[in-house]
């Protein structure tokens, strides 16, 4: 599992943009609806044979939202395109602190 700590997540017109930490590295994160389909792109290469992975945003008091999203390779940012996650963030963006990506 990859675990990203959300350090900043702001809402813009129809998407969320911010910053996450993975180990000691900082990356930009972009979360938006599925206008190009469900998409997950990571800011670094990973070795997995999985074509789809579970992406889960979590927070205190067992609050979470997750979606099963196709892994589409690399980007300079962490990119997540998911209607379920985007709509949940619209009501709960300040209540979530971690993004987990299940690779196993």
Protein backbone atom coordinates (compact mmCIF):
# COMPACT_ATOMS: atom_id res chain seq x y z
CA UNK A 1 0.00 0.00 0.00
CA UNK A 2 1.13 3.52 -0.78
CA UNK A 3 0.12 6.13 1.79
CA UNK A 4 0.17 9.86 1.00
CA UNK A 5 -0.37 12.45 3.74
CA UNK A 6 -2.57 15.33 2.56
CA UNK A 7 -0.90 18.60 3.55
CA UNK A 8 -3.07 20.92 1.46
CA UNK A 9 -6.21 20.41 -0.61
CA UNK A 10 -8.14 23.37 -2.05
CA UNK A 11 -11.28 23.40 -4.14
CA UNK A 12 -11.38 25.26 -7.43
CA UNK A 13 -14.26 25.45 -9.92
CA UNK A 14 -14.67 21.74 -10.58
CA UNK A 15 -11.55 20.12 -9.15
CA UNK A 16 -9.27 19.92 -6.12
CA UNK A 17 -5.60 20.82 -6.14
CA UNK A 18 -3.06 20.55 -3.34
CA UNK A 19 0.01 18.87 -1.99
CA UNK A 20 0.76 15.47 -0.48
CA UNK A 21 3.76 13.92 1.23
CA UNK A 22 5.03 10.43 0.48
CA UNK A 23 7.81 9.45 2.85
CA UNK A 24 9.89 12.65 2.76
CA UNK A 25 8.96 13.70 -0.78
CA UNK A 26 6.31 16.30 -1.63
CA UNK A 27 4.09 16.05 -4.69
CA UNK A 28 1.22 18.03 -6.18
CA UNK A 29 -2.16 16.31 -6.24
CA UNK A 30 -5.07 16.91 -8.58
CA UNK A 31 -8.50 15.34 -8.05
CA UNK A 32 -11.24 15.88 -10.61
CA UNK A 33 -14.32 14.30 -12.14
CA UNK A 34 -14.21 11.59 -14.80
CA UNK A 35 -14.40 13.74 -17.94
CA UNK A 36 -11.69 11.50 -19.47
CA UNK A 37 -12.84 8.39 -17.58
CA UNK A 38 -11.51 7.07 -14.29
CA UNK A 39 -7.77 7.69 -14.13
CA UNK A 40 -4.98 7.25 -11.59
CA UNK A 41 -1.48 8.47 -12.40
CA UNK A 42 1.36 8.35 -9.90
CA UNK A 43 4.33 10.75 -9.63
CA UNK A 44 6.80 7.86 -9.72
CA UNK A 45 7.04 4.43 -11.35
CA UNK A 46 5.76 1.36 -9.52
CA UNK A 47 6.16 -2.31 -10.23
CA UNK A 48 2.72 -3.91 -10.31
CA UNK A 49 0.79 -6.09 -12.71
CA UNK A 50 -2.54 -4.69 -11.56
CA UNK A 51 -4.52 -2.69 -14.06
CA UNK A 52 -6.96 -1.28 -11.46
CA UNK A 53 -6.36 -0.37 -7.82
CA UNK A 54 -8.41 0.82 -4.86
CA UNK A 55 -7.84 4.50 -4.07
CA UNK A 56 -9.08 5.48 -0.61
CA UNK A 57 -9.21 8.89 1.08
CA UNK A 58 -9.42 8.55 4.87
CA UNK A 59 -9.83 10.78 7.88
CA UNK A 60 -10.53 10.63 11.62
CA UNK A 61 -13.55 8.77 13.01
CA UNK A 62 -13.47 6.12 10.26
CA UNK A 63 -14.48 8.62 7.55
CA UNK A 64 -13.48 7.44 4.07
CA UNK A 65 -14.34 7.31 0.40
CA UNK A 66 -12.86 4.90 -2.10
CA UNK A 67 -13.04 3.95 -5.74
CA UNK A 68 -11.61 1.23 -7.98
CA UNK A 69 -9.57 3.12 -10.58
CA UNK A 70 -7.44 2.09 -13.58
CA UNK A 71 -3.73 2.72 -13.11
CA UNK A 72 -2.68 4.75 -16.15
CA UNK A 73 1.04 5.20 -15.55
CA UNK A 74 3.12 8.18 -14.49
CA UNK A 75 2.64 11.92 -14.31
CA UNK A 76 4.55 14.68 -12.58
CA UNK A 77 1.63 14.87 -10.08
CA UNK A 78 -0.62 12.44 -8.27
CA UNK A 79 -3.69 12.55 -10.55
CA UNK A 80 -7.03 11.05 -9.53
CA UNK A 81 -10.08 11.29 -11.80
CA UNK A 82 -13.13 9.86 -10.03
CA UNK A 83 -16.67 11.18 -9.72
CA UNK A 84 -17.25 9.35 -6.40
CA UNK A 85 -14.14 10.79 -4.78
CA UNK A 86 -14.58 14.30 -6.23
CA UNK A 87 -18.21 14.59 -5.07
CA UNK A 88 -17.36 13.27 -1.60
CA UNK A 89 -14.48 15.76 -1.31
CA UNK A 90 -16.87 18.61 -2.10
CA UNK A 91 -18.58 17.99 1.26
CA UNK A 92 -15.65 16.62 3.29
CA UNK A 93 -12.36 18.08 1.99
CA UNK A 94 -11.22 19.37 5.39
CA UNK A 95 -12.05 16.08 7.12
CA UNK A 96 -9.69 13.83 5.13
CA UNK A 97 -5.96 13.53 5.78
CA UNK A 98 -4.62 10.50 3.90
CA UNK A 99 -4.74 8.98 0.42
CA UNK A 100 -4.12 5.23 0.33
CA UNK A 101 -3.47 3.28 -2.85
CA UNK A 102 -3.84 -0.48 -2.49
CA UNK A 103 -1.36 -2.29 -4.72
CA UNK A 104 -1.65 -5.80 -3.24
